[in-house]
Amino acid sequence: MLPEETSWLTVPDVAERLDTIPGKVRRLVEDRALLGQKIEGVFCIPEAFLNGEEPLKDLAGTVIVLLDGGFSEEEAVEWLLSHHEGLGVTPVEAIRWGRKTEVRRVAQVLAL
């Protein structure tokens, strides 16, 4: 279950934030640089997956590890945004703090 405090942005919102067009945002999603899910019929991306005016660095590699390990996109989003006891924070926060290797190691173990 996703944390209630998650802030979601629509594709046009993300495009504005990244100073680009919605088509480019959709391409970032296709390339796994960003990940999102439908909320009440509208595709949205967690604001936590952005770092200012660009996608969060190192998110894409972690998303690929999760999806290759059998996670659905929705499960990957939930895992990235939920507190993880072993990390002490959410995986996306750990990535933001430069702990991508640790996050990916945990993701690989979960995928086994």
PDB file of N, CA and C in Angstrom:
ATOM      1  N   MET A   1       0.841  -1.191   0.000  1.00  0.00           N
ATOM      2  CA  MET A   1       0.000   0.000   0.000  1.00  0.00           C
ATOM      3  C   MET A   1       0.880   1.245   0.000  1.00  0.00           C
ATOM      4  N   LEU A   2       0.549   2.176  -0.858  1.00  0.00           N
ATOM      5  CA  LEU A   2       1.339   3.399  -0.989  1.00  0.00           C
ATOM      6  C   LEU A   2       1.128   4.339   0.197  1.00  0.00           C
ATOM      7  N   PRO A   3       2.185   5.006   0.616  1.00  0.00           N
ATOM      8  CA  PRO A   3       2.042   5.999   1.684  1.00  0.00           C
ATOM      9  C   PRO A   3       1.073   7.103   1.264  1.00  0.00           C
ATOM     10  N   GLU A   4       0.228   7.534   2.185  1.00  0.00           N
ATOM     11  CA  GLU A   4      -0.773   8.561   1.883  1.00  0.00           C
ATOM     12  C   GLU A   4      -0.143   9.896   1.513  1.00  0.00           C
ATOM     13  N   GLU A   5       1.041  10.173   2.039  1.00  0.00           N
ATOM     14  CA  GLU A   5       1.667  11.470   1.799  1.00  0.00           C
ATOM     15  C   GLU A   5       2.339  11.578   0.430  1.00  0.00           C
ATOM     16  N   THR A   6       2.254  10.542  -0.382  1.00  0.00           N
ATOM     17  CA  THR A   6       2.851  10.576  -1.715  1.00  0.00           C
ATOM     18  C   THR A   6       2.221  11.683  -2.550  1.00  0.00           C
ATOM     19  N   SER A   7       3.071  12.512  -3.136  1.00  0.00           N
ATOM     20  CA  SER A   7       2.616  13.590  -4.007  1.00  0.00           C
ATOM     21  C   SER A   7       2.751  13.116  -5.453  1.00  0.00           C
ATOM     22  N   TRP A   8       1.647  13.200  -6.212  1.00  0.00           N
ATOM     23  CA  TRP A   8       1.601  12.696  -7.576  1.00  0.00           C
ATOM     24  C   TRP A   8       1.493  13.838  -8.568  1.00  0.00           C
ATOM     25  N   LEU A   9       2.150  13.666  -9.720  1.00  0.00           N
ATOM     26  CA  LEU A   9       2.097  14.654 -10.787  1.00  0.00           C
ATOM     27  C   LEU A   9       1.607  13.986 -12.068  1.00  0.00           C
ATOM     28  N   THR A  10       0.769  14.684 -12.812  1.00  0.00           N
ATOM     29  CA  THR A  10       0.325  14.172 -14.103  1.00  0.00           C
ATOM     30  C   THR A  10       1.456  14.344 -15.122  1.00  0.00           C
ATOM     31  N   VAL A  11       1.312  13.707 -16.270  1.00  0.00           N
ATOM     32  CA  VAL A  11       2.327  13.830 -17.323  1.00  0.00           C
ATOM     33  C   VAL A  11       2.518  15.301 -17.730  1.00  0.00           C
ATOM     34  N   PRO A  12       1.434  16.076 -17.948  1.00  0.00           N
ATOM     35  CA  PRO A  12       1.643  17.496 -18.266  1.00  0.00           C
ATOM     36  C   PRO A  12       2.369  18.261 -17.145  1.00  0.00           C
ATOM     37  N   ASP A  13       2.077  17.918 -15.881  1.00  0.00           N
ATOM     38  CA  ASP A  13       2.771  18.559 -14.754  1.00  0.00           C
ATOM     39  C   ASP A  13       4.263  18.250 -14.783  1.00  0.00           C
ATOM     40  N   VAL A  14       4.589  16.985 -15.048  1.00  0.00           N
ATOM     41  CA  VAL A  14       5.994  16.581 -15.111  1.00  0.00           C
ATOM     42  C   VAL A  14       6.673  17.269 -16.296  1.00  0.00           C
ATOM     43  N   ALA A  15       5.982  17.344 -17.420  1.00  0.00           N
ATOM     44  CA  ALA A  15       6.541  18.016 -18.595  1.00  0.00           C
ATOM     45  C   ALA A  15       6.879  19.474 -18.271  1.00  0.00           C
ATOM     46  N   GLU A  16       5.989  20.128 -17.575  1.00  0.00           N
ATOM     47  CA  GLU A  16       6.245  21.519 -17.189  1.00  0.00           C
ATOM     48  C   GLU A  16       7.449  21.607 -16.256  1.00  0.00           C
ATOM     49  N   ARG A  17       7.519  20.693 -15.295  1.00  0.00           N
ATOM     50  CA  ARG A  17       8.615  20.668 -14.337  1.00  0.00           C
ATOM     51  C   ARG A  17       9.952  20.437 -15.033  1.00  0.00           C
ATOM     52  N   LEU A  18       9.951  19.565 -16.063  1.00  0.00           N
ATOM     53  CA  LEU A  18      11.171  19.238 -16.783  1.00  0.00           C
ATOM     54  C   LEU A  18      11.426  20.163 -17.974  1.00  0.00           C
ATOM     55  N   ASP A  19      10.528  21.133 -18.160  1.00  0.00           N
ATOM     56  CA  ASP A  19      10.628  22.084 -19.270  1.00  0.00           C
ATOM     57  C   ASP A  19      10.726  21.345 -20.610  1.00  0.00           C
ATOM     58  N   THR A  20       9.756  20.443 -20.805  1.00  0.00           N
ATOM     59  CA  THR A  20       9.714  19.654 -22.031  1.00  0.00           C
ATOM     60  C   THR A  20       8.258  19.433 -22.423  1.00  0.00           C
ATOM     61  N   ILE A  21       8.025  18.532 -23.351  1.00  0.00           N
ATOM     62  CA  ILE A  21       6.667  18.239 -23.805  1.00  0.00           C
ATOM     63  C   ILE A  21       6.209  16.901 -23.226  1.00  0.00           C
ATOM     64  N   PRO A  22       4.892  16.706 -23.116  1.00  0.00           N
ATOM     65  CA  PRO A  22       4.374  15.443 -22.570  1.00  0.00           C
ATOM     66  C   PRO A  22       4.892  14.204 -23.302  1.00  0.00           C
ATOM     67  N   GLY A  23       5.104  14.297 -24.609  1.00  0.00           N
ATOM     68  CA  GLY A  23       5.627  13.160 -25.360  1.00  0.00           C
ATOM     69  C   GLY A  23       6.994  12.710 -24.852  1.00  0.00           C
ATOM     70  N   LYS A  24       7.827  13.656 -24.476  1.00  0.00           N
ATOM     71  CA  LYS A  24       9.155  13.344 -23.933  1.00  0.00           C
ATOM     72  C   LYS A  24       9.022  12.657 -22.572  1.00  0.00           C
ATOM     73  N   VAL A  25       8.050  13.087 -21.774  1.00  0.00           N
ATOM     74  CA  VAL A  25       7.813  12.449 -20.467  1.00  0.00           C
ATOM     75  C   VAL A  25       7.365  11.006 -20.680  1.00  0.00           C
ATOM     76  N   ARG A  26       6.460  10.797 -21.629  1.00  0.00           N
ATOM     77  CA  ARG A  26       6.016   9.429 -21.926  1.00  0.00           C
ATOM     78  C   ARG A  26       7.195   8.565 -22.377  1.00  0.00           C
ATOM     79  N   ARG A  27       8.113   9.155 -23.133  1.00  0.00           N
ATOM     80  CA  ARG A  27       9.309   8.436 -23.574  1.00  0.00           C
ATOM     81  C   ARG A  27      10.192   8.070 -22.379  1.00  0.00           C
ATOM     82  N   LEU A  28      10.320   8.977 -21.410  1.00  0.00           N
ATOM     83  CA  LEU A  28      11.085   8.690 -20.186  1.00  0.00           C
ATOM     84  C   LEU A  28      10.467   7.526 -19.421  1.00  0.00           C
ATOM     85  N   VAL A  29       9.137   7.446 -19.436  1.00  0.00           N
ATOM     86  CA  VAL A  29       8.444   6.335 -18.786  1.00  0.00           C
ATOM     87  C   VAL A  29       8.717   5.041 -19.556  1.00  0.00           C
ATOM     88  N   GLU A  30       8.620   5.089 -20.881  1.00  0.00           N
ATOM     89  CA  GLU A  30       8.908   3.910 -21.707  1.00  0.00           C
ATOM     90  C   GLU A  30      10.347   3.435 -21.510  1.00  0.00           C
ATOM     91  N   ASP A  31      11.268   4.367 -21.337  1.00  0.00           N
ATOM     92  CA  ASP A  31      12.685   4.037 -21.151  1.00  0.00           C
ATOM     93  C   ASP A  31      13.024   3.677 -19.701  1.00  0.00           C
ATOM     94  N   ARG A  32      12.029   3.720 -18.842  1.00  0.00           N
ATOM     95  CA  ARG A  32      12.166   3.381 -17.414  1.00  0.00           C
ATOM     96  C   ARG A  32      12.991   4.393 -16.617  1.00  0.00           C
ATOM     97  N   ALA A  33      13.169   5.600 -17.160  1.00  0.00           N
ATOM     98  CA  ALA A  33      13.822   6.662 -16.403  1.00  0.00           C
ATOM     99  C   ALA A  33      12.855   7.217 -15.364  1.00  0.00           C
ATOM    100  N   LEU A  34      11.560   7.026 -15.625  1.00  0.00           N
ATOM    101  CA  LEU A  34      10.502   7.386 -14.691  1.00  0.00           C
ATOM    102  C   LEU A  34       9.509   6.231 -14.645  1.00  0.00           C
ATOM    103  N   LEU A  35       8.744   6.186 -13.583  1.00  0.00           N
ATOM    104  CA  LEU A  35       7.743   5.138 -13.409  1.00  0.00           C
ATOM    105  C   LEU A  35       6.527   5.780 -12.771  1.00  0.00           C
ATOM    106  N   GLY A  36       5.371   5.291 -13.114  1.00  0.00           N
ATOM    107  CA  GLY A  36       4.151   5.844 -12.540  1.00  0.00           C
ATOM    108  C   GLY A  36       3.041   4.825 -12.594  1.00  0.00           C
ATOM    109  N   GLN A  37       1.845   5.276 -12.308  1.00  0.00           N
ATOM    110  CA  GLN A  37       0.682   4.404 -12.354  1.00  0.00           C
ATOM    111  C   GLN A  37      -0.576   5.237 -12.485  1.00  0.00           C
ATOM    112  N   LYS A  38      -1.656   4.562 -12.878  1.00  0.00           N
ATOM    113  CA  LYS A  38      -2.925   5.267 -13.018  1.00  0.00           C
ATOM    114  C   LYS A  38      -3.569   5.456 -11.647  1.00  0.00           C
ATOM    115  N   ILE A  39      -4.029   6.670 -11.441  1.00  0.00           N
ATOM    116  CA  ILE A  39      -4.765   7.020 -10.225  1.00  0.00           C
ATOM    117  C   ILE A  39      -6.058   7.646 -10.690  1.00  0.00           C
ATOM    118  N   GLU A  40      -7.155   6.987 -10.364  1.00  0.00           N
ATOM    119  CA  GLU A  40      -8.476   7.429 -10.802  1.00  0.00           C
ATOM    120  C   GLU A  40      -8.503   7.662 -12.308  1.00  0.00           C
ATOM    121  N   GLY A  41      -7.863   6.739 -13.053  1.00  0.00           N
ATOM    122  CA  GLY A  41      -7.883   6.782 -14.510  1.00  0.00           C
ATOM    123  C   GLY A  41      -6.873   7.697 -15.168  1.00  0.00           C
ATOM    124  N   VAL A  42      -6.059   8.398 -14.374  1.00  0.00           N
ATOM    125  CA  VAL A  42      -5.067   9.336 -14.919  1.00  0.00           C
ATOM    126  C   VAL A  42      -3.668   8.830 -14.558  1.00  0.00           C
ATOM    127  N   PHE A  43      -2.800   8.707 -15.575  1.00  0.00           N
ATOM    128  CA  PHE A  43      -1.438   8.263 -15.315  1.00  0.00           C
ATOM    129  C   PHE A  43      -0.686   9.366 -14.579  1.00  0.00           C
ATOM    130  N   CYS A  44      -0.087   8.995 -13.447  1.00  0.00           N
ATOM    131  CA  CYS A  44       0.634   9.951 -12.613  1.00  0.00           C
ATOM    132  C   CYS A  44       1.994   9.396 -12.227  1.00  0.00           C
ATOM    133  N   ILE A  45       2.903  10.289 -11.947  1.00  0.00           N
ATOM    134  CA  ILE A  45       4.272   9.959 -11.571  1.00  0.00           C
ATOM    135  C   ILE A  45       4.523  10.555 -10.190  1.00  0.00           C
ATOM    136  N   PRO A  46       5.103   9.774  -9.270  1.00  0.00           N
ATOM    137  CA  PRO A  46       5.410  10.331  -7.949  1.00  0.00           C
ATOM    138  C   PRO A  46       6.416  11.482  -8.059  1.00  0.00           C
ATOM    139  N   GLU A  47       6.133  12.552  -7.372  1.00  0.00           N
ATOM    140  CA  GLU A  47       7.041  13.695  -7.375  1.00  0.00           C
ATOM    141  C   GLU A  47       8.421  13.306  -6.854  1.00  0.00           C
ATOM    142  N   ALA A  48       8.465  12.313  -5.977  1.00  0.00           N
ATOM    143  CA  ALA A  48       9.729  11.855  -5.400  1.00  0.00           C
ATOM    144  C   ALA A  48      10.673  11.280  -6.453  1.00  0.00           C
ATOM    145  N   PHE A  49      10.150  10.946  -7.641  1.00  0.00           N
ATOM    146  CA  PHE A  49      10.975  10.384  -8.707  1.00  0.00           C
ATOM    147  C   PHE A  49      11.668  11.470  -9.526  1.00  0.00           C
ATOM    148  N   LEU A  50      11.449  12.728  -9.140  1.00  0.00           N
ATOM    149  CA  LEU A  50      12.092  13.854  -9.821  1.00  0.00           C
ATOM    150  C   LEU A  50      13.114  14.487  -8.898  1.00  0.00           C
ATOM    151  N   ASN A  51      14.149  15.012  -9.494  1.00  0.00           N
ATOM    152  CA  ASN A  51      15.154  15.758  -8.750  1.00  0.00           C
ATOM    153  C   ASN A  51      15.255  17.129  -9.399  1.00  0.00           C
ATOM    154  N   GLY A  52      14.445  18.034  -8.913  1.00  0.00           N
ATOM    155  CA  GLY A  52      14.404  19.363  -9.518  1.00  0.00           C
ATOM    156  C   GLY A  52      13.813  19.294 -10.906  1.00  0.00           C
ATOM    157  N   GLU A  53      14.628  19.604 -11.899  1.00  0.00           N
ATOM    158  CA  GLU A  53      14.161  19.660 -13.276  1.00  0.00           C
ATOM    159  C   GLU A  53      14.621  18.466 -14.105  1.00  0.00           C
ATOM    160  N   GLU A  54      14.842  17.322 -13.457  1.00  0.00           N
ATOM    161  CA  GLU A  54      15.222  16.104 -14.177  1.00  0.00           C
ATOM    162  C   GLU A  54      14.771  14.878 -13.398  1.00  0.00           C
ATOM    163  N   PRO A  55      14.679  13.729 -14.085  1.00  0.00           N
ATOM    164  CA  PRO A  55      14.360  12.494 -13.373  1.00  0.00           C
ATOM    165  C   PRO A  55      15.456  12.195 -12.343  1.00  0.00           C
ATOM    166  N   LEU A  56      15.088  11.562 -11.264  1.00  0.00           N
ATOM    167  CA  LEU A  56      16.039  11.206 -10.215  1.00  0.00           C
ATOM    168  C   LEU A  56      17.123  10.301 -10.793  1.00  0.00           C
ATOM    169  N   LYS A  57      18.347  10.725 -10.662  1.00  0.00           N
ATOM    170  CA  LYS A  57      19.479   9.949 -11.164  1.00  0.00           C
ATOM    171  C   LYS A  57      19.483   8.593 -10.469  1.00  0.00           C
ATOM    172  N   ASP A  58      19.795   7.563 -11.178  1.00  0.00           N
ATOM    173  CA  ASP A  58      19.919   6.191 -10.678  1.00  0.00           C
ATOM    174  C   ASP A  58      18.583   5.490 -10.432  1.00  0.00           C
ATOM    175  N   LEU A  59      17.465   6.178 -10.682  1.00  0.00           N
ATOM    176  CA  LEU A  59      16.168   5.516 -10.532  1.00  0.00           C
ATOM    177  C   LEU A  59      15.991   4.453 -11.611  1.00  0.00           C
ATOM    178  N   ALA A  60      16.362   4.768 -12.845  1.00  0.00           N
ATOM    179  CA  ALA A  60      16.133   3.860 -13.975  1.00  0.00           C
ATOM    180  C   ALA A  60      16.767   2.493 -13.750  1.00  0.00           C
ATOM    181  N   GLY A  61      17.998   2.452 -13.313  1.00  0.00           N
ATOM    182  CA  GLY A  61      18.669   1.173 -13.083  1.00  0.00           C
ATOM    183  C   GLY A  61      17.977   0.343 -12.025  1.00  0.00           C
ATOM    184  N   THR A  62      17.505   0.998 -10.985  1.00  0.00           N
ATOM    185  CA  THR A  62      16.793   0.298  -9.917  1.00  0.00           C
ATOM    186  C   THR A  62      15.451  -0.221 -10.414  1.00  0.00           C
ATOM    187  N   VAL A  63      14.759   0.573 -11.217  1.00  0.00           N
ATOM    188  CA  VAL A  63      13.478   0.140 -11.795  1.00  0.00           C
ATOM    189  C   VAL A  63      13.691  -1.106 -12.649  1.00  0.00           C
ATOM    190  N   ILE A  64      14.750  -1.118 -13.437  1.00  0.00           N
ATOM    191  CA  ILE A  64      15.030  -2.276 -14.285  1.00  0.00           C
ATOM    192  C   ILE A  64      15.296  -3.517 -13.437  1.00  0.00           C
ATOM    193  N   VAL A  65      16.048  -3.370 -12.350  1.00  0.00           N
ATOM    194  CA  VAL A  65      16.306  -4.505 -11.453  1.00  0.00           C
ATOM    195  C   VAL A  65      14.984  -5.047 -10.911  1.00  0.00           C
ATOM    196  N   LEU A  66      14.101  -4.157 -10.485  1.00  0.00           N
ATOM    197  CA  LEU A  66      12.815  -4.584  -9.931  1.00  0.00           C
ATOM    198  C   LEU A  66      11.944  -5.282 -10.976  1.00  0.00           C
ATOM    199  N   LEU A  67      11.819  -4.687 -12.157  1.00  0.00           N
ATOM    200  CA  LEU A  67      10.971  -5.269 -13.194  1.00  0.00           C
ATOM    201  C   LEU A  67      11.543  -6.594 -13.699  1.00  0.00           C
ATOM    202  N   ASP A  68      12.857  -6.656 -13.877  1.00  0.00           N
ATOM    203  CA  ASP A  68      13.490  -7.905 -14.295  1.00  0.00           C
ATOM    204  C   ASP A  68      13.340  -8.988 -13.229  1.00  0.00           C
ATOM    205  N   GLY A  69      13.215  -8.567 -11.984  1.00  0.00           N
ATOM    206  CA  GLY A  69      13.064  -9.506 -10.873  1.00  0.00           C
ATOM    207  C   GLY A  69      11.645  -9.976 -10.654  1.00  0.00           C
ATOM    208  N   GLY A  70      10.725  -9.531 -11.507  1.00  0.00           N
ATOM    209  CA  GLY A  70       9.358 -10.015 -11.413  1.00  0.00           C
ATOM    210  C   GLY A  70       8.353  -9.056 -10.801  1.00  0.00           C
ATOM    211  N   PHE A  71       8.791  -7.879 -10.400  1.00  0.00           N
ATOM    212  CA  PHE A  71       7.859  -6.884  -9.872  1.00  0.00           C
ATOM    213  C   PHE A  71       7.015  -6.338 -11.016  1.00  0.00           C
ATOM    214  N   SER A  72       5.745  -6.059 -10.762  1.00  0.00           N
ATOM    215  CA  SER A  72       4.945  -5.309 -11.722  1.00  0.00           C
ATOM    216  C   SER A  72       5.318  -3.837 -11.550  1.00  0.00           C
ATOM    217  N   GLU A  73       4.914  -3.005 -12.489  1.00  0.00           N
ATOM    218  CA  GLU A  73       5.209  -1.574 -12.354  1.00  0.00           C
ATOM    219  C   GLU A  73       4.588  -1.007 -11.086  1.00  0.00           C
ATOM    220  N   GLU A  74       3.358  -1.410 -10.779  1.00  0.00           N
ATOM    221  CA  GLU A  74       2.682  -0.921  -9.576  1.00  0.00           C
ATOM    222  C   GLU A  74       3.418  -1.376  -8.317  1.00  0.00           C
ATOM    223  N   GLU A  75       3.867  -2.635  -8.303  1.00  0.00           N
ATOM    224  CA  GLU A  75       4.613  -3.142  -7.151  1.00  0.00           C
ATOM    225  C   GLU A  75       5.939  -2.411  -6.992  1.00  0.00           C
ATOM    226  N   ALA A  76       6.595  -2.099  -8.115  1.00  0.00           N
ATOM    227  CA  ALA A  76       7.861  -1.366  -8.065  1.00  0.00           C
ATOM    228  C   ALA A  76       7.664   0.032  -7.492  1.00  0.00           C
ATOM    229  N   VAL A  77       6.619   0.722  -7.948  1.00  0.00           N
ATOM    230  CA  VAL A  77       6.321   2.057  -7.415  1.00  0.00           C
ATOM    231  C   VAL A  77       6.073   1.968  -5.910  1.00  0.00           C
ATOM    232  N   GLU A  78       5.250   1.015  -5.507  1.00  0.00           N
ATOM    233  CA  GLU A  78       4.933   0.861  -4.081  1.00  0.00           C
ATOM    234  C   GLU A  78       6.191   0.574  -3.264  1.00  0.00           C
ATOM    235  N   TRP A  79       7.026  -0.331  -3.760  1.00  0.00           N
ATOM    236  CA  TRP A  79       8.247  -0.678  -3.023  1.00  0.00           C
ATOM    237  C   TRP A  79       9.171   0.523  -2.903  1.00  0.00           C
ATOM    238  N   LEU A  80       9.346   1.259  -3.973  1.00  0.00           N
ATOM    239  CA  LEU A  80      10.237   2.417  -3.966  1.00  0.00           C
ATOM    240  C   LEU A  80       9.776   3.508  -3.000  1.00  0.00           C
ATOM    241  N   LEU A  81       8.467   3.610  -2.786  1.00  0.00           N
ATOM    242  CA  LEU A  81       7.915   4.689  -1.959  1.00  0.00           C
ATOM    243  C   LEU A  81       7.604   4.282  -0.523  1.00  0.00           C
ATOM    244  N   SER A  82       7.730   2.993  -0.209  1.00  0.00           N
ATOM    245  CA  SER A  82       7.384   2.503   1.128  1.00  0.00           C
ATOM    246  C   SER A  82       8.640   2.359   1.994  1.00  0.00           C
ATOM    247  N   HIS A  83       8.474   2.646   3.279  1.00  0.00           N
ATOM    248  CA  HIS A  83       9.594   2.528   4.220  1.00  0.00           C
ATOM    249  C   HIS A  83      10.119   1.100   4.210  1.00  0.00           C
ATOM    250  N   HIS A  84      11.432   0.959   4.147  1.00  0.00           N
ATOM    251  CA  HIS A  84      12.063  -0.354   4.169  1.00  0.00           C
ATOM    252  C   HIS A  84      12.919  -0.441   5.426  1.00  0.00           C
ATOM    253  N   GLU A  85      12.611  -1.406   6.259  1.00  0.00           N
ATOM    254  CA  GLU A  85      13.287  -1.553   7.542  1.00  0.00           C
ATOM    255  C   GLU A  85      14.802  -1.679   7.384  1.00  0.00           C
ATOM    256  N   GLY A  86      15.258  -2.487   6.436  1.00  0.00           N
ATOM    257  CA  GLY A  86      16.692  -2.704   6.240  1.00  0.00           C
ATOM    258  C   GLY A  86      17.441  -1.460   5.798  1.00  0.00           C
ATOM    259  N   LEU A  87      16.760  -0.577   5.085  1.00  0.00           N
ATOM    260  CA  LEU A  87      17.383   0.662   4.616  1.00  0.00           C
ATOM    261  C   LEU A  87      17.213   1.803   5.622  1.00  0.00           C
ATOM    262  N   GLY A  88      16.197   1.694   6.449  1.00  0.00           N
ATOM    263  CA  GLY A  88      15.909   2.745   7.424  1.00  0.00           C
ATOM    264  C   GLY A  88      15.116   3.913   6.854  1.00  0.00           C
ATOM    265  N   VAL A  89      14.912   3.910   5.554  1.00  0.00           N
ATOM    266  CA  VAL A  89      14.160   4.947   4.845  1.00  0.00           C
ATOM    267  C   VAL A  89      13.461   4.277   3.663  1.00  0.00           C
ATOM    268  N   THR A  90      12.763   5.053   2.856  1.00  0.00           N
ATOM    269  CA  THR A  90      12.198   4.489   1.642  1.00  0.00           C
ATOM    270  C   THR A  90      13.341   4.264   0.642  1.00  0.00           C
ATOM    271  N   PRO A  91      13.216   3.278  -0.236  1.00  0.00           N
ATOM    272  CA  PRO A  91      14.264   3.074  -1.239  1.00  0.00           C
ATOM    273  C   PRO A  91      14.543   4.315  -2.085  1.00  0.00           C
ATOM    274  N   VAL A  92      13.507   5.067  -2.443  1.00  0.00           N
ATOM    275  CA  VAL A  92      13.741   6.261  -3.266  1.00  0.00           C
ATOM    276  C   VAL A  92      14.540   7.309  -2.485  1.00  0.00           C
ATOM    277  N   GLU A  93      14.310   7.407  -1.183  1.00  0.00           N
ATOM    278  CA  GLU A  93      15.115   8.332  -0.368  1.00  0.00           C
ATOM    279  C   GLU A  93      16.570   7.863  -0.324  1.00  0.00           C
ATOM    280  N   ALA A  94      16.765   6.562  -0.179  1.00  0.00           N
ATOM    281  CA  ALA A  94      18.123   6.023  -0.144  1.00  0.00           C
ATOM    282  C   ALA A  94      18.841   6.301  -1.470  1.00  0.00           C
ATOM    283  N   ILE A  95      18.129   6.153  -2.586  1.00  0.00           N
ATOM    284  CA  ILE A  95      18.715   6.471  -3.891  1.00  0.00           C
ATOM    285  C   ILE A  95      19.103   7.945  -3.941  1.00  0.00           C
ATOM    286  N   ARG A  96      18.212   8.789  -3.458  1.00  0.00           N
ATOM    287  CA  ARG A  96      18.470  10.236  -3.445  1.00  0.00           C
ATOM    288  C   ARG A  96      19.727  10.563  -2.641  1.00  0.00           C
ATOM    289  N   TRP A  97      19.999   9.769  -1.619  1.00  0.00           N
ATOM    290  CA  TRP A  97      21.150  10.003  -0.747  1.00  0.00           C
ATOM    291  C   TRP A  97      22.402   9.276  -1.224  1.00  0.00           C
ATOM    292  N   GLY A  98      22.365   8.739  -2.458  1.00  0.00           N
ATOM    293  CA  GLY A  98      23.548   8.115  -3.031  1.00  0.00           C
ATOM    294  C   GLY A  98      23.766   6.662  -2.642  1.00  0.00           C
ATOM    295  N   ARG A  99      22.720   5.990  -2.171  1.00  0.00           N
ATOM    296  CA  ARG A  99      22.851   4.597  -1.720  1.00  0.00           C
ATOM    297  C   ARG A  99      22.265   3.617  -2.733  1.00  0.00           C
ATOM    298  N   LYS A 100      22.432   3.896  -4.030  1.00  0.00           N
ATOM    299  CA  LYS A 100      21.809   3.075  -5.065  1.00  0.00           C
ATOM    300  C   LYS A 100      22.265   1.622  -5.022  1.00  0.00           C
ATOM    301  N   THR A 101      23.536   1.377  -4.748  1.00  0.00           N
ATOM    302  CA  THR A 101      24.047   0.006  -4.724  1.00  0.00           C
ATOM    303  C   THR A 101      23.350  -0.805  -3.641  1.00  0.00           C
ATOM    304  N   GLU A 102      23.191  -0.223  -2.475  1.00  0.00           N
ATOM    305  CA  GLU A 102      22.507  -0.895  -1.367  1.00  0.00           C
ATOM    306  C   GLU A 102      21.043  -1.170  -1.721  1.00  0.00           C
ATOM    307  N   VAL A 103      20.385  -0.196  -2.326  1.00  0.00           N
ATOM    308  CA  VAL A 103      18.984  -0.356  -2.716  1.00  0.00           C
ATOM    309  C   VAL A 103      18.848  -1.480  -3.741  1.00  0.00           C
ATOM    310  N   ARG A 104      19.719  -1.500  -4.726  1.00  0.00           N
ATOM    311  CA  ARG A 104      19.645  -2.521  -5.773  1.00  0.00           C
ATOM    312  C   ARG A 104      19.950  -3.904  -5.206  1.00  0.00           C
ATOM    313  N   ARG A 105      20.860  -3.976  -4.238  1.00  0.00           N
ATOM    314  CA  ARG A 105      21.158  -5.254  -3.609  1.00  0.00           C
ATOM    315  C   ARG A 105      19.909  -5.797  -2.896  1.00  0.00           C
ATOM    316  N   VAL A 106      19.222  -4.938  -2.178  1.00  0.00           N
ATOM    317  CA  VAL A 106      17.979  -5.343  -1.498  1.00  0.00           C
ATOM    318  C   VAL A 106      16.932  -5.762  -2.524  1.00  0.00           C
ATOM    319  N   ALA A 107      16.828  -5.014  -3.606  1.00  0.00           N
ATOM    320  CA  ALA A 107      15.852  -5.333  -4.653  1.00  0.00           C
ATOM    321  C   ALA A 107      16.145  -6.699  -5.285  1.00  0.00           C
ATOM    322  N   GLN A 108      17.414  -6.988  -5.500  1.00  0.00           N
ATOM    323  CA  GLN A 108      17.787  -8.278  -6.083  1.00  0.00           C
ATOM    324  C   GLN A 108      17.446  -9.429  -5.152  1.00  0.00           C
ATOM    325  N   VAL A 109      17.653  -9.245  -3.858  1.00  0.00           N
ATOM    326  CA  VAL A 109      17.324 -10.288  -2.897  1.00  0.00           C
ATOM    327  C   VAL A 109      15.813 -10.547  -2.894  1.00  0.00           C
ATOM    328  N   LEU A 110      15.025  -9.484  -2.953  1.00  0.00           N
ATOM    329  CA  LEU A 110      13.568  -9.625  -2.962  1.00  0.00           C
ATOM    330  C   LEU A 110      13.074 -10.327  -4.230  1.00  0.00           C
ATOM    331  N   ALA A 111      13.803 -10.152  -5.304  1.00  0.00           N
ATOM    332  CA  ALA A 111      13.391 -10.712  -6.584  1.00  0.00           C
ATOM    333  C   ALA A 111      13.685 -12.213  -6.693  1.00  0.00           C
ATOM    334  N   LEU A 112      14.517 -12.736  -5.828  1.00  0.00           N
ATOM    335  CA  LEU A 112      14.886 -14.165  -5.925  1.00  0.00           C
ATOM    336  C   LEU A 112      13.766 -15.095  -5.605  1.00  0.00           C
TER     337      LEU A 112
END
